[in-house]
Each structure stands twice: as C-alpha cells, then as structure tokens.
C-alpha atoms as a PDB file:
ATOM      1  CA  UNK A   1       0.000   0.000   0.000  1.00  0.00           C
ATOM      2  CA  UNK A   2       1.430   3.371  -1.035  1.00  0.00           C
ATOM      3  CA  UNK A   3       1.840   6.154   1.493  1.00  0.00           C
ATOM      4  CA  UNK A   4      -0.674   9.007   1.109  1.00  0.00           C
ATOM      5  CA  UNK A   5       0.624  12.015  -0.801  1.00  0.00           C
ATOM      6  CA  UNK A   6       1.156  15.172   1.212  1.00  0.00           C
ATOM      7  CA  UNK A   7       0.802  18.665  -0.168  1.00  0.00           C
ATOM      8  CA  UNK A   8       4.154  20.261  -0.818  1.00  0.00           C
ATOM      9  CA  UNK A   9       4.394  23.799   0.479  1.00  0.00           C
ATOM     10  CA  UNK A  10       7.146  25.689  -1.308  1.00  0.00           C
ATOM     11  CA  UNK A  11       9.700  27.575   0.763  1.00  0.00           C
ATOM     12  CA  UNK A  12       9.919  30.414  -1.765  1.00  0.00           C
ATOM     13  CA  UNK A  13       7.285  31.830  -4.102  1.00  0.00           C
ATOM     14  CA  UNK A  14       7.509  34.352  -6.920  1.00  0.00           C
ATOM     15  CA  UNK A  15       5.839  37.773  -6.675  1.00  0.00           C
ATOM     16  CA  UNK A  16       2.781  36.782  -8.710  1.00  0.00           C
ATOM     17  CA  UNK A  17       2.330  33.504  -6.830  1.00  0.00           C
ATOM     18  CA  UNK A  18       2.633  35.007  -3.357  1.00  0.00           C
ATOM     19  CA  UNK A  19       0.412  37.959  -4.274  1.00  0.00           C
ATOM     20  CA  UNK A  20      -2.311  35.709  -5.695  1.00  0.00           C
ATOM     21  CA  UNK A  21      -2.095  33.339  -2.726  1.00  0.00           C
ATOM     22  CA  UNK A  22      -2.518  36.194  -0.209  1.00  0.00           C
ATOM     23  CA  UNK A  23      -5.051  38.305  -2.122  1.00  0.00           C
ATOM     24  CA  UNK A  24      -2.714  41.191  -2.959  1.00  0.00           C
ATOM     25  CA  UNK A  25      -2.191  42.498  -6.472  1.00  0.00           C
ATOM     26  CA  UNK A  26       1.307  41.897  -7.858  1.00  0.00           C
ATOM     27  CA  UNK A  27       1.546  45.576  -8.835  1.00  0.00           C
ATOM     28  CA  UNK A  28       0.773  46.664  -5.241  1.00  0.00           C
ATOM     29  CA  UNK A  29       3.513  44.364  -4.000  1.00  0.00           C
ATOM     30  CA  UNK A  30       5.920  45.743  -6.623  1.00  0.00           C
ATOM     31  CA  UNK A  31       5.146  49.331  -5.529  1.00  0.00           C
ATOM     32  CA  UNK A  32       5.729  48.465  -1.866  1.00  0.00           C
ATOM     33  CA  UNK A  33       9.046  46.868  -2.820  1.00  0.00           C
ATOM     34  CA  UNK A  34      10.095  49.968  -4.780  1.00  0.00           C
ATOM     35  CA  UNK A  35       9.383  52.151  -1.726  1.00  0.00           C
ATOM     36  CA  UNK A  36      11.335  49.805   0.551  1.00  0.00           C
ATOM     37  CA  UNK A  37       8.163  48.952   2.485  1.00  0.00           C
ATOM     38  CA  UNK A  38       7.571  45.490   1.089  1.00  0.00           C
ATOM     39  CA  UNK A  39       8.370  42.125   2.602  1.00  0.00           C
ATOM     40  CA  UNK A  40      11.916  40.723   2.592  1.00  0.00           C
ATOM     41  CA  UNK A  41      12.825  39.145  -0.737  1.00  0.00           C
ATOM     42  CA  UNK A  42      15.709  37.719  -2.690  1.00  0.00           C
ATOM     43  CA  UNK A  43      16.472  38.109  -6.355  1.00  0.00           C
ATOM     44  CA  UNK A  44      17.282  35.120  -8.522  1.00  0.00           C
ATOM     45  CA  UNK A  45      18.125  36.318 -12.011  1.00  0.00           C
ATOM     46  CA  UNK A  46      15.243  38.581 -13.004  1.00  0.00           C
ATOM     47  CA  UNK A  47      12.789  36.997 -10.592  1.00  0.00           C
ATOM     48  CA  UNK A  48      12.056  38.180  -7.052  1.00  0.00           C
ATOM     49  CA  UNK A  49      11.324  35.425  -4.563  1.00  0.00           C
ATOM     50  CA  UNK A  50       9.701  35.663  -1.156  1.00  0.00           C
ATOM     51  CA  UNK A  51      10.257  33.223   1.701  1.00  0.00           C
ATOM     52  CA  UNK A  52       6.715  32.112   2.549  1.00  0.00           C
ATOM     53  CA  UNK A  53       7.074  32.223   6.354  1.00  0.00           C
ATOM     54  CA  UNK A  54       8.811  35.635   6.285  1.00  0.00           C
ATOM     55  CA  UNK A  55       6.111  36.969   3.962  1.00  0.00           C
ATOM     56  CA  UNK A  56       3.375  35.779   6.308  1.00  0.00           C
ATOM     57  CA  UNK A  57       5.160  37.373   9.294  1.00  0.00           C
ATOM     58  CA  UNK A  58       5.490  40.660   7.357  1.00  0.00           C
ATOM     59  CA  UNK A  59       1.828  40.516   6.379  1.00  0.00           C
ATOM     60  CA  UNK A  60       0.717  39.988   9.980  1.00  0.00           C
ATOM     61  CA  UNK A  61       2.974  42.793  11.247  1.00  0.00           C
ATOM     62  CA  UNK A  62       1.650  45.220   8.599  1.00  0.00           C
ATOM     63  CA  UNK A  63      -2.039  44.359   8.774  1.00  0.00           C
ATOM     64  CA  UNK A  64      -4.770  46.242  10.599  1.00  0.00           C
ATOM     65  CA  UNK A  65      -7.802  44.744  12.266  1.00  0.00           C
ATOM     66  CA  UNK A  66     -11.050  46.146  10.932  1.00  0.00           C
ATOM     67  CA  UNK A  67     -14.018  46.614  13.240  1.00  0.00           C
ATOM     68  CA  UNK A  68     -17.222  45.110  11.916  1.00  0.00           C
END
C-alpha cells in the first residue's frame, strides 16, 4: 500500500504567486518593494522570490484589524 501524498508547500514563491495566494495584487507588492516597504525578498536572475514564512510574518505585522 502506497503512502498518502502530502501537499508540498514551497519555501519560496515568486511575486505573482505570493500575491495571488494572499489576495494582494502583484503591482501593489511591486510598488511596496520599490518604496522599501515590502516584505523581505531575494532576487534570482530577473525573478524576485519571497520566503513564505517571512512573507506571512510581514503581512501579519503590517495588517490592521477592521471593526465590523
């Protein structure tokens, strides 16, 4: 009997992937990066990559709670 497959969570995601996954537009993320206010990232060739856990920590630190 084969072991059940587990979902693979990538360590790094590209700008479009991480933006789509977290409900942010890629252009908004690019603008934040240009201002130096975006999440930590690395550059690999022409592509910017975000460490998923660091992105989530940045998102939590820069989010506001909205009263309902």
